[in-house]
Amino acid sequence: MTTATLRLVGPTAFERMLQHLARTLSRHVERRIAHRARRREITLDLLREQQTRRHDPSAVDHALAQLGLPRR
């Protein structure tokens, strides 16, 4: 009777395989979430930089001059 009980206590080979698959899948999902968070931070930093960048008024004059239009 004890050997039958011992077999029921431990996971079967299929259950061990499922546990391994679940751990592997969890690690993969966690890495994807972390990667997406890093990309989001980089994108937000770039967006903030673009929004705070000051435009050079002389650059507008230069661009107008290149087009042959009168300066402001």
PDB file of N, CA and C in Angstrom:
ATOM      1  N   MET A   1       0.818  -1.202   0.000  1.00  0.00           N
ATOM      2  CA  MET A   1       0.000   0.000   0.000  1.00  0.00           C
ATOM      3  C   MET A   1       0.856   1.257   0.000  1.00  0.00           C
ATOM      4  N   THR A   2       2.012   1.206   0.644  1.00  0.00           N
ATOM      5  CA  THR A   2       2.847   2.406   0.699  1.00  0.00           C
ATOM      6  C   THR A   2       3.398   2.773  -0.667  1.00  0.00           C
ATOM      7  N   THR A   3       3.727   1.809  -1.504  1.00  0.00           N
ATOM      8  CA  THR A   3       4.243   2.147  -2.830  1.00  0.00           C
ATOM      9  C   THR A   3       3.167   2.805  -3.679  1.00  0.00           C
ATOM     10  N   ALA A   4       1.947   2.387  -3.558  1.00  0.00           N
ATOM     11  CA  ALA A   4       0.867   3.029  -4.304  1.00  0.00           C
ATOM     12  C   ALA A   4       0.670   4.455  -3.819  1.00  0.00           C
ATOM     13  N   THR A   5       0.822   4.679  -2.529  1.00  0.00           N
ATOM     14  CA  THR A   5       0.674   6.020  -1.968  1.00  0.00           C
ATOM     15  C   THR A   5       1.812   6.914  -2.442  1.00  0.00           C
ATOM     16  N   LEU A   6       3.009   6.384  -2.462  1.00  0.00           N
ATOM     17  CA  LEU A   6       4.164   7.183  -2.885  1.00  0.00           C
ATOM     18  C   LEU A   6       4.035   7.616  -4.338  1.00  0.00           C
ATOM     19  N   ARG A   7       3.508   6.774  -5.183  1.00  0.00           N
ATOM     20  CA  ARG A   7       3.334   7.153  -6.579  1.00  0.00           C
ATOM     21  C   ARG A   7       2.317   8.278  -6.726  1.00  0.00           C
ATOM     22  N   LEU A   8       1.326   8.303  -5.891  1.00  0.00           N
ATOM     23  CA  LEU A   8       0.312   9.346  -5.993  1.00  0.00           C
ATOM     24  C   LEU A   8       0.801  10.687  -5.455  1.00  0.00           C
ATOM     25  N   VAL A   9       1.795  10.655  -4.558  1.00  0.00           N
ATOM     26  CA  VAL A   9       2.281  11.889  -3.954  1.00  0.00           C
ATOM     27  C   VAL A   9       3.128  12.685  -4.947  1.00  0.00           C
ATOM     28  N   GLY A  10       4.037  12.041  -5.636  1.00  0.00           N
ATOM     29  CA  GLY A  10       4.933  12.726  -6.556  1.00  0.00           C
ATOM     30  C   GLY A  10       4.255  13.007  -7.880  1.00  0.00           C
ATOM     31  N   PRO A  11       4.703  14.062  -8.567  1.00  0.00           N
ATOM     32  CA  PRO A  11       4.108  14.366  -9.877  1.00  0.00           C
ATOM     33  C   PRO A  11       4.519  13.324 -10.912  1.00  0.00           C
ATOM     34  N   THR A  12       3.650  13.102 -11.832  1.00  0.00           N
ATOM     35  CA  THR A  12       3.965  12.173 -12.929  1.00  0.00           C
ATOM     36  C   THR A  12       4.898  12.873 -13.912  1.00  0.00           C
ATOM     37  N   ALA A  13       5.418  12.109 -14.844  1.00  0.00           N
ATOM     38  CA  ALA A  13       6.317  12.683 -15.854  1.00  0.00           C
ATOM     39  C   ALA A  13       5.593  13.751 -16.660  1.00  0.00           C
ATOM     40  N   PHE A  14       4.339  13.503 -16.972  1.00  0.00           N
ATOM     41  CA  PHE A  14       3.558  14.488 -17.731  1.00  0.00           C
ATOM     42  C   PHE A  14       3.353  15.771 -16.926  1.00  0.00           C
ATOM     43  N   GLU A  15       3.089  15.621 -15.624  1.00  0.00           N
ATOM     44  CA  GLU A  15       2.908  16.800 -14.760  1.00  0.00           C
ATOM     45  C   GLU A  15       4.208  17.581 -14.622  1.00  0.00           C
ATOM     46  N   ARG A  16       5.333  16.864 -14.517  1.00  0.00           N
ATOM     47  CA  ARG A  16       6.632  17.556 -14.457  1.00  0.00           C
ATOM     48  C   ARG A  16       6.901  18.318 -15.747  1.00  0.00           C
ATOM     49  N   MET A  17       6.548  17.695 -16.863  1.00  0.00           N
ATOM     50  CA  MET A  17       6.727  18.359 -18.155  1.00  0.00           C
ATOM     51  C   MET A  17       5.842  19.615 -18.227  1.00  0.00           C
ATOM     52  N   LEU A  18       4.618  19.512 -17.745  1.00  0.00           N
ATOM     53  CA  LEU A  18       3.730  20.678 -17.744  1.00  0.00           C
ATOM     54  C   LEU A  18       4.258  21.786 -16.839  1.00  0.00           C
ATOM     55  N   GLN A  19       4.803  21.407 -15.675  1.00  0.00           N
ATOM     56  CA  GLN A  19       5.390  22.414 -14.775  1.00  0.00           C
ATOM     57  C   GLN A  19       6.573  23.107 -15.439  1.00  0.00           C
ATOM     58  N   HIS A  20       7.411  22.334 -16.108  1.00  0.00           N
ATOM     59  CA  HIS A  20       8.565  22.913 -16.814  1.00  0.00           C
ATOM     60  C   HIS A  20       8.092  23.853 -17.921  1.00  0.00           C
ATOM     61  N   LEU A  21       7.087  23.425 -18.659  1.00  0.00           N
ATOM     62  CA  LEU A  21       6.534  24.263 -19.723  1.00  0.00           C
ATOM     63  C   LEU A  21       5.964  25.562 -19.152  1.00  0.00           C
ATOM     64  N   ALA A  22       5.266  25.458 -18.022  1.00  0.00           N
ATOM     65  CA  ALA A  22       4.687  26.650 -17.398  1.00  0.00           C
ATOM     66  C   ALA A  22       5.782  27.615 -16.946  1.00  0.00           C
ATOM     67  N   ARG A  23       6.870  27.081 -16.346  1.00  0.00           N
ATOM     68  CA  ARG A  23       7.976  27.959 -15.925  1.00  0.00           C
ATOM     69  C   ARG A  23       8.627  28.637 -17.124  1.00  0.00           C
ATOM     70  N   THR A  24       8.853  27.869 -18.183  1.00  0.00           N
ATOM     71  CA  THR A  24       9.466  28.419 -19.393  1.00  0.00           C
ATOM     72  C   THR A  24       8.587  29.498 -20.007  1.00  0.00           C
ATOM     73  N   LEU A  25       7.313  29.231 -20.092  1.00  0.00           N
ATOM     74  CA  LEU A  25       6.378  30.206 -20.647  1.00  0.00           C
ATOM     75  C   LEU A  25       6.307  31.463 -19.787  1.00  0.00           C
ATOM     76  N   SER A  26       6.316  31.300 -18.473  1.00  0.00           N
ATOM     77  CA  SER A  26       6.293  32.458 -17.566  1.00  0.00           C
ATOM     78  C   SER A  26       7.533  33.328 -17.757  1.00  0.00           C
ATOM     79  N   ARG A  27       8.709  32.674 -17.858  1.00  0.00           N
ATOM     80  CA  ARG A  27       9.945  33.451 -18.079  1.00  0.00           C
ATOM     81  C   ARG A  27       9.878  34.211 -19.390  1.00  0.00           C
ATOM     82  N   HIS A  28       9.365  33.556 -20.421  1.00  0.00           N
ATOM     83  CA  HIS A  28       9.262  34.206 -21.736  1.00  0.00           C
ATOM     84  C   HIS A  28       8.332  35.424 -21.659  1.00  0.00           C
ATOM     85  N   VAL A  29       7.192  35.272 -21.026  1.00  0.00           N
ATOM     86  CA  VAL A  29       6.243  36.377 -20.915  1.00  0.00           C
ATOM     87  C   VAL A  29       6.831  37.516 -20.084  1.00  0.00           C
ATOM     88  N   GLU A  30       7.517  37.194 -18.998  1.00  0.00           N
ATOM     89  CA  GLU A  30       8.134  38.235 -18.168  1.00  0.00           C
ATOM     90  C   GLU A  30       9.191  39.009 -18.946  1.00  0.00           C
ATOM     91  N   ARG A  31       9.985  38.301 -19.764  1.00  0.00           N
ATOM     92  CA  ARG A  31      10.990  38.989 -20.581  1.00  0.00           C
ATOM     93  C   ARG A  31      10.339  39.914 -21.599  1.00  0.00           C
ATOM     94  N   ARG A  32       9.252  39.456 -22.226  1.00  0.00           N
ATOM     95  CA  ARG A  32       8.544  40.304 -23.197  1.00  0.00           C
ATOM     96  C   ARG A  32       7.962  41.545 -22.534  1.00  0.00           C
ATOM     97  N   ILE A  33       7.413  41.385 -21.346  1.00  0.00           N
ATOM     98  CA  ILE A  33       6.851  42.525 -20.619  1.00  0.00           C
ATOM     99  C   ILE A  33       7.955  43.529 -20.288  1.00  0.00           C
ATOM    100  N   ALA A  34       9.093  43.032 -19.799  1.00  0.00           N
ATOM    101  CA  ALA A  34      10.212  43.918 -19.462  1.00  0.00           C
ATOM    102  C   ALA A  34      10.741  44.624 -20.707  1.00  0.00           C
ATOM    103  N   HIS A  35      10.848  43.902 -21.817  1.00  0.00           N
ATOM    104  CA  HIS A  35      11.334  44.500 -23.060  1.00  0.00           C
ATOM    105  C   HIS A  35      10.377  45.591 -23.537  1.00  0.00           C
ATOM    106  N   ARG A  36       9.074  45.315 -23.467  1.00  0.00           N
ATOM    107  CA  ARG A  36       8.088  46.311 -23.877  1.00  0.00           C
ATOM    108  C   ARG A  36       8.140  47.539 -22.968  1.00  0.00           C
ATOM    109  N   ALA A  37       8.378  47.352 -21.671  1.00  0.00           N
ATOM    110  CA  ALA A  37       8.480  48.481 -20.745  1.00  0.00           C
ATOM    111  C   ALA A  37       9.706  49.340 -21.085  1.00  0.00           C
ATOM    112  N   ARG A  38      10.830  48.685 -21.409  1.00  0.00           N
ATOM    113  CA  ARG A  38      12.036  49.447 -21.792  1.00  0.00           C
ATOM    114  C   ARG A  38      11.789  50.242 -23.067  1.00  0.00           C
ATOM    115  N   ARG A  39      11.156  49.598 -24.067  1.00  0.00           N
ATOM    116  CA  ARG A  39      10.856  50.307 -25.317  1.00  0.00           C
ATOM    117  C   ARG A  39       9.931  51.489 -25.063  1.00  0.00           C
ATOM    118  N   ARG A  40       8.968  51.308 -24.186  1.00  0.00           N
ATOM    119  CA  ARG A  40       8.025  52.388 -23.868  1.00  0.00           C
ATOM    120  C   ARG A  40       8.759  53.559 -23.211  1.00  0.00           C
ATOM    121  N   GLU A  41       9.675  53.268 -22.285  1.00  0.00           N
ATOM    122  CA  GLU A  41      10.449  54.329 -21.639  1.00  0.00           C
ATOM    123  C   GLU A  41      11.285  55.097 -22.655  1.00  0.00           C
ATOM    124  N   ILE A  42      11.942  54.372 -23.555  1.00  0.00           N
ATOM    125  CA  ILE A  42      12.769  55.025 -24.574  1.00  0.00           C
ATOM    126  C   ILE A  42      11.902  55.900 -25.468  1.00  0.00           C
ATOM    127  N   THR A  43      10.757  55.376 -25.875  1.00  0.00           N
ATOM    128  CA  THR A  43       9.856  56.142 -26.740  1.00  0.00           C
ATOM    129  C   THR A  43       9.359  57.396 -26.040  1.00  0.00           C
ATOM    130  N   LEU A  44       8.986  57.278 -24.776  1.00  0.00           N
ATOM    131  CA  LEU A  44       8.521  58.452 -24.031  1.00  0.00           C
ATOM    132  C   LEU A  44       9.638  59.478 -23.863  1.00  0.00           C
ATOM    133  N   ASP A  45      10.873  59.015 -23.611  1.00  0.00           N
ATOM    134  CA  ASP A  45      12.003  59.939 -23.509  1.00  0.00           C
ATOM    135  C   ASP A  45      12.223  60.688 -24.816  1.00  0.00           C
ATOM    136  N   LEU A  46      12.164  59.965 -25.937  1.00  0.00           N
ATOM    137  CA  LEU A  46      12.340  60.618 -27.237  1.00  0.00           C
ATOM    138  C   LEU A  46      11.220  61.623 -27.503  1.00  0.00           C
ATOM    139  N   LEU A  47      10.007  61.255 -27.145  1.00  0.00           N
ATOM    140  CA  LEU A  47       8.872  62.159 -27.348  1.00  0.00           C
ATOM    141  C   LEU A  47       9.027  63.420 -26.502  1.00  0.00           C
ATOM    142  N   ARG A  48       9.418  63.243 -25.236  1.00  0.00           N
ATOM    143  CA  ARG A  48       9.640  64.418 -24.373  1.00  0.00           C
ATOM    144  C   ARG A  48      10.733  65.315 -24.940  1.00  0.00           C
ATOM    145  N   GLU A  49      11.799  64.695 -25.445  1.00  0.00           N
ATOM    146  CA  GLU A  49      12.902  65.474 -26.007  1.00  0.00           C
ATOM    147  C   GLU A  49      12.437  66.264 -27.222  1.00  0.00           C
ATOM    148  N   GLN A  50      11.635  65.653 -28.076  1.00  0.00           N
ATOM    149  CA  GLN A  50      11.138  66.355 -29.255  1.00  0.00           C
ATOM    150  C   GLN A  50      10.212  67.498 -28.867  1.00  0.00           C
ATOM    151  N   GLN A  51       9.409  67.292 -27.835  1.00  0.00           N
ATOM    152  CA  GLN A  51       8.458  68.324 -27.440  1.00  0.00           C
ATOM    153  C   GLN A  51       9.138  69.494 -26.744  1.00  0.00           C
ATOM    154  N   THR A  52      10.249  69.236 -26.065  1.00  0.00           N
ATOM    155  CA  THR A  52      10.923  70.317 -25.341  1.00  0.00           C
ATOM    156  C   THR A  52      12.009  70.995 -26.166  1.00  0.00           C
ATOM    157  N   ARG A  53      12.338  70.427 -27.318  1.00  0.00           N
ATOM    158  CA  ARG A  53      13.396  71.009 -28.153  1.00  0.00           C
ATOM    159  C   ARG A  53      12.952  72.376 -28.665  1.00  0.00           C
ATOM    160  N   ARG A  54      13.799  73.338 -28.531  1.00  0.00           N
ATOM    161  CA  ARG A  54      13.514  74.696 -28.999  1.00  0.00           C
ATOM    162  C   ARG A  54      13.887  74.827 -30.468  1.00  0.00           C
ATOM    163  N   HIS A  55      13.058  75.511 -31.200  1.00  0.00           N
ATOM    164  CA  HIS A  55      13.355  75.744 -32.609  1.00  0.00           C
ATOM    165  C   HIS A  55      14.194  77.008 -32.746  1.00  0.00           C
ATOM    166  N   ASP A  56      15.171  76.916 -33.608  1.00  0.00           N
ATOM    167  CA  ASP A  56      16.077  78.033 -33.843  1.00  0.00           C
ATOM    168  C   ASP A  56      15.436  78.953 -34.886  1.00  0.00           C
ATOM    169  N   PRO A  57      15.150  80.234 -34.518  1.00  0.00           N
ATOM    170  CA  PRO A  57      14.515  81.135 -35.483  1.00  0.00           C
ATOM    171  C   PRO A  57      15.391  81.392 -36.709  1.00  0.00           C
ATOM    172  N   SER A  58      16.704  81.363 -36.547  1.00  0.00           N
ATOM    173  CA  SER A  58      17.565  81.613 -37.705  1.00  0.00           C
ATOM    174  C   SER A  58      17.488  80.431 -38.681  1.00  0.00           C
ATOM    175  N   ALA A  59      17.167  79.250 -38.196  1.00  0.00           N
ATOM    176  CA  ALA A  59      17.025  78.102 -39.080  1.00  0.00           C
ATOM    177  C   ALA A  59      15.826  78.288 -40.006  1.00  0.00           C
ATOM    178  N   VAL A  60      14.768  78.906 -39.498  1.00  0.00           N
ATOM    179  CA  VAL A  60      13.599  79.189 -40.338  1.00  0.00           C
ATOM    180  C   VAL A  60      13.972  80.196 -41.413  1.00  0.00           C
ATOM    181  N   ASP A  61      14.701  81.239 -41.026  1.00  0.00           N
ATOM    182  CA  ASP A  61      15.145  82.231 -42.009  1.00  0.00           C
ATOM    183  C   ASP A  61      16.032  81.584 -43.072  1.00  0.00           C
ATOM    184  N   HIS A  62      16.912  80.708 -42.640  1.00  0.00           N
ATOM    185  CA  HIS A  62      17.810  80.039 -43.577  1.00  0.00           C
ATOM    186  C   HIS A  62      17.013  79.162 -44.551  1.00  0.00           C
ATOM    187  N   ALA A  63      16.028  78.442 -44.040  1.00  0.00           N
ATOM    188  CA  ALA A  63      15.203  77.581 -44.895  1.00  0.00           C
ATOM    189  C   ALA A  63      14.411  78.421 -45.889  1.00  0.00           C
ATOM    190  N   LEU A  64      13.890  79.560 -45.444  1.00  0.00           N
ATOM    191  CA  LEU A  64      13.152  80.450 -46.347  1.00  0.00           C
ATOM    192  C   LEU A  64      14.071  80.998 -47.433  1.00  0.00           C
ATOM    193  N   ALA A  65      15.299  81.344 -47.047  1.00  0.00           N
ATOM    194  CA  ALA A  65      16.262  81.882 -48.014  1.00  0.00           C
ATOM    195  C   ALA A  65      16.615  80.816 -49.059  1.00  0.00           C
ATOM    196  N   GLN A  66      16.733  79.569 -48.644  1.00  0.00           N
ATOM    197  CA  GLN A  66      17.050  78.504 -49.591  1.00  0.00           C
ATOM    198  C   GLN A  66      15.915  78.292 -50.592  1.00  0.00           C
ATOM    199  N   LEU A  67      14.695  78.534 -50.156  1.00  0.00           N
ATOM    200  CA  LEU A  67      13.544  78.399 -51.052  1.00  0.00           C
ATOM    201  C   LEU A  67      13.360  79.620 -51.939  1.00  0.00           C
ATOM    202  N   GLY A  68      14.152  80.660 -51.687  1.00  0.00           N
ATOM    203  CA  GLY A  68      14.041  81.876 -52.486  1.00  0.00           C
ATOM    204  C   GLY A  68      12.931  82.787 -52.011  1.00  0.00           C
ATOM    205  N   LEU A  69      12.432  82.558 -50.812  1.00  0.00           N
ATOM    206  CA  LEU A  69      11.367  83.397 -50.270  1.00  0.00           C
ATOM    207  C   LEU A  69      11.981  84.479 -49.384  1.00  0.00           C
ATOM    208  N   PRO A  70      11.305  85.597 -49.269  1.00  0.00           N
ATOM    209  CA  PRO A  70      11.835  86.662 -48.415  1.00  0.00           C
ATOM    210  C   PRO A  70      11.852  86.223 -46.962  1.00  0.00           C
ATOM    211  N   ARG A  71      12.858  86.721 -46.268  1.00  0.00           N
ATOM    212  CA  ARG A  71      12.967  86.389 -44.832  1.00  0.00           C
ATOM    213  C   ARG A  71      11.893  87.127 -44.050  1.00  0.00           C
ATOM    214  N   ARG A  72      11.642  86.611 -42.866  1.00  0.00           N
ATOM    215  CA  ARG A  72      10.603  87.219 -42.041  1.00  0.00           C
ATOM    216  C   ARG A  72      11.015  88.589 -41.564  1.00  0.00           C
TER     217      ARG A  72
END
